[in-house]
Amino acid sequence: MRTLISIAVGFWIAREISSRYHKRLCTQIQLKQKRRLQAYFKDQGFSQRQIKEYTKSILNL
């Protein structure tokens, strides 16, 4: 019985760690995409307000 409980707790902990890792990874990827998109709009000569508006509409943030 203890073995079964230990295995269940181990799987639960692994799932939590994996979930947090993937959430953090997705957040980093989204921030990288946002920075690249903002840099592109800035290079194209858009105003800061337009950059914010377009970035928000494209990335659905």
PDB file of N, CA and C in Angstrom:
ATOM      1  N   MET A   1       0.822  -1.189   0.000  1.00  0.00           N
ATOM      2  CA  MET A   1       0.000   0.000   0.000  1.00  0.00           C
ATOM      3  C   MET A   1       0.872   1.261   0.000  1.00  0.00           C
ATOM      4  N   ARG A   2       1.941   1.245   0.786  1.00  0.00           N
ATOM      5  CA  ARG A   2       2.825   2.413   0.830  1.00  0.00           C
ATOM      6  C   ARG A   2       3.478   2.651  -0.525  1.00  0.00           C
ATOM      7  N   THR A   3       3.809   1.567  -1.189  1.00  0.00           N
ATOM      8  CA  THR A   3       4.439   1.682  -2.499  1.00  0.00           C
ATOM      9  C   THR A   3       3.505   2.371  -3.479  1.00  0.00           C
ATOM     10  N   LEU A   4       2.244   1.983  -3.459  1.00  0.00           N
ATOM     11  CA  LEU A   4       1.259   2.576  -4.355  1.00  0.00           C
ATOM     12  C   LEU A   4       1.090   4.068  -4.071  1.00  0.00           C
ATOM     13  N   ILE A   5       1.027   4.422  -2.807  1.00  0.00           N
ATOM     14  CA  ILE A   5       0.894   5.831  -2.428  1.00  0.00           C
ATOM     15  C   ILE A   5       2.139   6.608  -2.847  1.00  0.00           C
ATOM     16  N   SER A   6       3.307   6.023  -2.653  1.00  0.00           N
ATOM     17  CA  SER A   6       4.559   6.686  -3.049  1.00  0.00           C
ATOM     18  C   SER A   6       4.606   6.918  -4.552  1.00  0.00           C
ATOM     19  N   ILE A   7       4.177   5.938  -5.311  1.00  0.00           N
ATOM     20  CA  ILE A   7       4.153   6.079  -6.772  1.00  0.00           C
ATOM     21  C   ILE A   7       3.170   7.164  -7.184  1.00  0.00           C
ATOM     22  N   ALA A   8       1.989   7.180  -6.569  1.00  0.00           N
ATOM     23  CA  ALA A   8       0.977   8.188  -6.896  1.00  0.00           C
ATOM     24  C   ALA A   8       1.488   9.595  -6.587  1.00  0.00           C
ATOM     25  N   VAL A   9       2.109   9.759  -5.437  1.00  0.00           N
ATOM     26  CA  VAL A   9       2.653  11.069  -5.060  1.00  0.00           C
ATOM     27  C   VAL A   9       3.767  11.468  -6.027  1.00  0.00           C
ATOM     28  N   GLY A  10       4.593  10.525  -6.409  1.00  0.00           N
ATOM     29  CA  GLY A  10       5.667  10.805  -7.366  1.00  0.00           C
ATOM     30  C   GLY A  10       5.136  11.274  -8.705  1.00  0.00           C
ATOM     31  N   PHE A  11       4.104  10.604  -9.212  1.00  0.00           N
ATOM     32  CA  PHE A  11       3.499  11.021 -10.475  1.00  0.00           C
ATOM     33  C   PHE A  11       2.874  12.405 -10.360  1.00  0.00           C
ATOM     34  N   TRP A  12       2.221  12.675  -9.230  1.00  0.00           N
ATOM     35  CA  TRP A  12       1.588  13.968  -9.033  1.00  0.00           C
ATOM     36  C   TRP A  12       2.634  15.085  -9.012  1.00  0.00           C
ATOM     37  N   ILE A  13       3.730  14.865  -8.291  1.00  0.00           N
ATOM     38  CA  ILE A  13       4.803  15.864  -8.220  1.00  0.00           C
ATOM     39  C   ILE A  13       5.418  16.083  -9.603  1.00  0.00           C
ATOM     40  N   ALA A  14       5.654  15.012 -10.333  1.00  0.00           N
ATOM     41  CA  ALA A  14       6.226  15.131 -11.681  1.00  0.00           C
ATOM     42  C   ALA A  14       5.291  15.903 -12.596  1.00  0.00           C
ATOM     43  N   ARG A  15       3.997  15.655 -12.483  1.00  0.00           N
ATOM     44  CA  ARG A  15       3.025  16.370 -13.308  1.00  0.00           C
ATOM     45  C   ARG A  15       3.017  17.860 -12.991  1.00  0.00           C
ATOM     46  N   GLU A  16       3.085  18.197 -11.712  1.00  0.00           N
ATOM     47  CA  GLU A  16       3.111  19.597 -11.302  1.00  0.00           C
ATOM     48  C   GLU A  16       4.369  20.298 -11.818  1.00  0.00           C
ATOM     49  N   ILE A  17       5.500  19.664 -11.686  1.00  0.00           N
ATOM     50  CA  ILE A  17       6.759  20.244 -12.167  1.00  0.00           C
ATOM     51  C   ILE A  17       6.703  20.441 -13.671  1.00  0.00           C
ATOM     52  N   SER A  18       6.212  19.436 -14.380  1.00  0.00           N
ATOM     53  CA  SER A  18       6.111  19.514 -15.835  1.00  0.00           C
ATOM     54  C   SER A  18       5.157  20.628 -16.254  1.00  0.00           C
ATOM     55  N   SER A  19       4.039  20.734 -15.575  1.00  0.00           N
ATOM     56  CA  SER A  19       3.047  21.759 -15.889  1.00  0.00           C
ATOM     57  C   SER A  19       3.626  23.160 -15.697  1.00  0.00           C
ATOM     58  N   ARG A  20       4.307  23.375 -14.601  1.00  0.00           N
ATOM     59  CA  ARG A  20       4.909  24.688 -14.335  1.00  0.00           C
ATOM     60  C   ARG A  20       5.997  25.014 -15.347  1.00  0.00           C
ATOM     61  N   TYR A  21       6.778  24.012 -15.711  1.00  0.00           N
ATOM     62  CA  TYR A  21       7.840  24.217 -16.690  1.00  0.00           C
ATOM     63  C   TYR A  21       7.256  24.631 -18.038  1.00  0.00           C
ATOM     64  N   HIS A  22       6.228  23.922 -18.492  1.00  0.00           N
ATOM     65  CA  HIS A  22       5.637  24.231 -19.789  1.00  0.00           C
ATOM     66  C   HIS A  22       4.936  25.588 -19.781  1.00  0.00           C
ATOM     67  N   LYS A  23       4.320  25.946 -18.675  1.00  0.00           N
ATOM     68  CA  LYS A  23       3.683  27.255 -18.568  1.00  0.00           C
ATOM     69  C   LYS A  23       4.727  28.363 -18.669  1.00  0.00           C
ATOM     70  N   ARG A  24       5.841  28.190 -17.961  1.00  0.00           N
ATOM     71  CA  ARG A  24       6.917  29.183 -18.001  1.00  0.00           C
ATOM     72  C   ARG A  24       7.529  29.265 -19.396  1.00  0.00           C
ATOM     73  N   LEU A  25       7.692  28.115 -20.049  1.00  0.00           N
ATOM     74  CA  LEU A  25       8.249  28.073 -21.394  1.00  0.00           C
ATOM     75  C   LEU A  25       7.341  28.799 -22.388  1.00  0.00           C
ATOM     76  N   CYS A  26       6.036  28.573 -22.297  1.00  0.00           N
ATOM     77  CA  CYS A  26       5.086  29.247 -23.184  1.00  0.00           C
ATOM     78  C   CYS A  26       5.102  30.755 -22.964  1.00  0.00           C
ATOM     79  N   THR A  27       5.205  31.168 -21.716  1.00  0.00           N
ATOM     80  CA  THR A  27       5.262  32.596 -21.403  1.00  0.00           C
ATOM     81  C   THR A  27       6.509  33.231 -22.014  1.00  0.00           C
ATOM     82  N   GLN A  28       7.643  32.555 -21.915  1.00  0.00           N
ATOM     83  CA  GLN A  28       8.883  33.073 -22.489  1.00  0.00           C
ATOM     84  C   GLN A  28       8.781  33.175 -24.008  1.00  0.00           C
ATOM     85  N   ILE A  29       8.183  32.185 -24.643  1.00  0.00           N
ATOM     86  CA  ILE A  29       8.030  32.200 -26.098  1.00  0.00           C
ATOM     87  C   ILE A  29       7.125  33.350 -26.517  1.00  0.00           C
ATOM     88  N   GLN A  30       6.020  33.562 -25.791  1.00  0.00           N
ATOM     89  CA  GLN A  30       5.111  34.654 -26.113  1.00  0.00           C
ATOM     90  C   GLN A  30       5.795  36.010 -25.954  1.00  0.00           C
ATOM     91  N   LEU A  31       6.576  36.176 -24.902  1.00  0.00           N
ATOM     92  CA  LEU A  31       7.278  37.445 -24.699  1.00  0.00           C
ATOM     93  C   LEU A  31       8.306  37.692 -25.799  1.00  0.00           C
ATOM     94  N   LYS A  32       8.986  36.640 -26.230  1.00  0.00           N
ATOM     95  CA  LYS A  32       9.963  36.764 -27.308  1.00  0.00           C
ATOM     96  C   LYS A  32       9.271  37.177 -28.605  1.00  0.00           C
ATOM     97  N   GLN A  33       8.128  36.555 -28.908  1.00  0.00           N
ATOM     98  CA  GLN A  33       7.380  36.901 -30.108  1.00  0.00           C
ATOM     99  C   GLN A  33       6.887  38.345 -30.037  1.00  0.00           C
ATOM    100  N   LYS A  34       6.434  38.750 -28.865  1.00  0.00           N
ATOM    101  CA  LYS A  34       5.939  40.111 -28.683  1.00  0.00           C
ATOM    102  C   LYS A  34       7.053  41.129 -28.920  1.00  0.00           C
ATOM    103  N   ARG A  35       8.240  40.868 -28.357  1.00  0.00           N
ATOM    104  CA  ARG A  35       9.365  41.785 -28.552  1.00  0.00           C
ATOM    105  C   ARG A  35       9.773  41.877 -30.017  1.00  0.00           C
ATOM    106  N   ARG A  36       9.800  40.739 -30.699  1.00  0.00           N
ATOM    107  CA  ARG A  36      10.181  40.735 -32.115  1.00  0.00           C
ATOM    108  C   ARG A  36       9.158  41.492 -32.960  1.00  0.00           C
ATOM    109  N   LEU A  37       7.879  41.305 -32.660  1.00  0.00           N
ATOM    110  CA  LEU A  37       6.826  41.991 -33.397  1.00  0.00           C
ATOM    111  C   LEU A  37       6.887  43.496 -33.151  1.00  0.00           C
ATOM    112  N   GLN A  38       7.110  43.888 -31.902  1.00  0.00           N
ATOM    113  CA  GLN A  38       7.219  45.310 -31.589  1.00  0.00           C
ATOM    114  C   GLN A  38       8.434  45.933 -32.269  1.00  0.00           C
ATOM    115  N   ALA A  39       9.537  45.219 -32.313  1.00  0.00           N
ATOM    116  CA  ALA A  39      10.735  45.725 -32.982  1.00  0.00           C
ATOM    117  C   ALA A  39      10.481  45.895 -34.477  1.00  0.00           C
ATOM    118  N   TYR A  40       9.749  44.961 -35.068  1.00  0.00           N
ATOM    119  CA  TYR A  40       9.429  45.056 -36.495  1.00  0.00           C
ATOM    120  C   TYR A  40       8.577  46.294 -36.766  1.00  0.00           C
ATOM    121  N   PHE A  41       7.538  46.494 -35.963  1.00  0.00           N
ATOM    122  CA  PHE A  41       6.676  47.659 -36.153  1.00  0.00           C
ATOM    123  C   PHE A  41       7.455  48.954 -35.939  1.00  0.00           C
ATOM    124  N   LYS A  42       8.366  48.963 -34.982  1.00  0.00           N
ATOM    125  CA  LYS A  42       9.174  50.154 -34.728  1.00  0.00           C
ATOM    126  C   LYS A  42      10.063  50.456 -35.933  1.00  0.00           C
ATOM    127  N   ASP A  43      10.647  49.416 -36.525  1.00  0.00           N
ATOM    128  CA  ASP A  43      11.475  49.592 -37.719  1.00  0.00           C
ATOM    129  C   ASP A  43      10.663  50.117 -38.893  1.00  0.00           C
ATOM    130  N   GLN A  44       9.383  49.763 -38.933  1.00  0.00           N
ATOM    131  CA  GLN A  44       8.515  50.207 -40.017  1.00  0.00           C
ATOM    132  C   GLN A  44       7.997  51.631 -39.808  1.00  0.00           C
ATOM    133  N   GLY A  45       8.254  52.213 -38.633  1.00  0.00           N
ATOM    134  CA  GLY A  45       7.915  53.608 -38.387  1.00  0.00           C
ATOM    135  C   GLY A  45       6.552  53.838 -37.754  1.00  0.00           C
ATOM    136  N   PHE A  46       5.964  52.833 -37.156  1.00  0.00           N
ATOM    137  CA  PHE A  46       4.678  53.008 -36.491  1.00  0.00           C
ATOM    138  C   PHE A  46       4.869  53.746 -35.174  1.00  0.00           C
ATOM    139  N   SER A  47       3.810  54.436 -34.730  1.00  0.00           N
ATOM    140  CA  SER A  47       3.871  55.118 -33.436  1.00  0.00           C
ATOM    141  C   SER A  47       3.742  54.088 -32.316  1.00  0.00           C
ATOM    142  N   GLN A  48       4.100  54.517 -31.112  1.00  0.00           N
ATOM    143  CA  GLN A  48       4.068  53.597 -29.970  1.00  0.00           C
ATOM    144  C   GLN A  48       2.647  53.108 -29.702  1.00  0.00           C
ATOM    145  N   ARG A  49       1.671  53.994 -29.859  1.00  0.00           N
ATOM    146  CA  ARG A  49       0.271  53.614 -29.643  1.00  0.00           C
ATOM    147  C   ARG A  49      -0.168  52.575 -30.663  1.00  0.00           C
ATOM    148  N   GLN A  50       0.211  52.774 -31.926  1.00  0.00           N
ATOM    149  CA  GLN A  50      -0.132  51.812 -32.972  1.00  0.00           C
ATOM    150  C   GLN A  50       0.557  50.469 -32.731  1.00  0.00           C
ATOM    151  N   ILE A  51       1.803  50.523 -32.291  1.00  0.00           N
ATOM    152  CA  ILE A  51       2.544  49.286 -32.015  1.00  0.00           C
ATOM    153  C   ILE A  51       1.823  48.479 -30.947  1.00  0.00           C
ATOM    154  N   LYS A  52       1.413  49.146 -29.870  1.00  0.00           N
ATOM    155  CA  LYS A  52       0.692  48.463 -28.796  1.00  0.00           C
ATOM    156  C   LYS A  52      -0.612  47.861 -29.305  1.00  0.00           C
ATOM    157  N   GLU A  53      -1.348  48.652 -30.060  1.00  0.00           N
ATOM    158  CA  GLU A  53      -2.654  48.213 -30.567  1.00  0.00           C
ATOM    159  C   GLU A  53      -2.516  47.018 -31.508  1.00  0.00           C
ATOM    160  N   TYR A  54      -1.600  47.103 -32.453  1.00  0.00           N
ATOM    161  CA  TYR A  54      -1.424  46.025 -33.426  1.00  0.00           C
ATOM    162  C   TYR A  54      -0.875  44.757 -32.777  1.00  0.00           C
ATOM    163  N   THR A  55       0.069  44.929 -31.867  1.00  0.00           N
ATOM    164  CA  THR A  55       0.635  43.770 -31.176  1.00  0.00           C
ATOM    165  C   THR A  55      -0.441  43.055 -30.366  1.00  0.00           C
ATOM    166  N   LYS A  56      -1.256  43.831 -29.691  1.00  0.00           N
ATOM    167  CA  LYS A  56      -2.326  43.241 -28.880  1.00  0.00           C
ATOM    168  C   LYS A  56      -3.333  42.504 -29.754  1.00  0.00           C
ATOM    169  N   SER A  57      -3.692  43.089 -30.890  1.00  0.00           N
ATOM    170  CA  SER A  57      -4.682  42.440 -31.752  1.00  0.00           C
ATOM    171  C   SER A  57      -4.116  41.192 -32.429  1.00  0.00           C
ATOM    172  N   ILE A  58      -2.845  41.210 -32.789  1.00  0.00           N
ATOM    173  CA  ILE A  58      -2.244  40.054 -33.463  1.00  0.00           C
ATOM    174  C   ILE A  58      -2.036  38.900 -32.493  1.00  0.00           C
ATOM    175  N   LEU A  59      -1.513  39.192 -31.310  1.00  0.00           N
ATOM    176  CA  LEU A  59      -1.201  38.136 -30.350  1.00  0.00           C
ATOM    177  C   LEU A  59      -2.372  37.788 -29.437  1.00  0.00           C
ATOM    178  N   ASN A  60      -3.472  38.528 -29.531  1.00  0.00           N
ATOM    179  CA  ASN A  60      -4.657  38.292 -28.700  1.00  0.00           C
ATOM    180  C   ASN A  60      -4.336  38.302 -27.211  1.00  0.00           C
ATOM    181  N   LEU A  61      -3.598  39.321 -26.780  1.00  0.00           N
ATOM    182  CA  LEU A  61      -3.238  39.427 -25.361  1.00  0.00           C
ATOM    183  C   LEU A  61      -4.214  40.309 -24.623  1.00  0.00           C
TER     184      LEU A  61
END
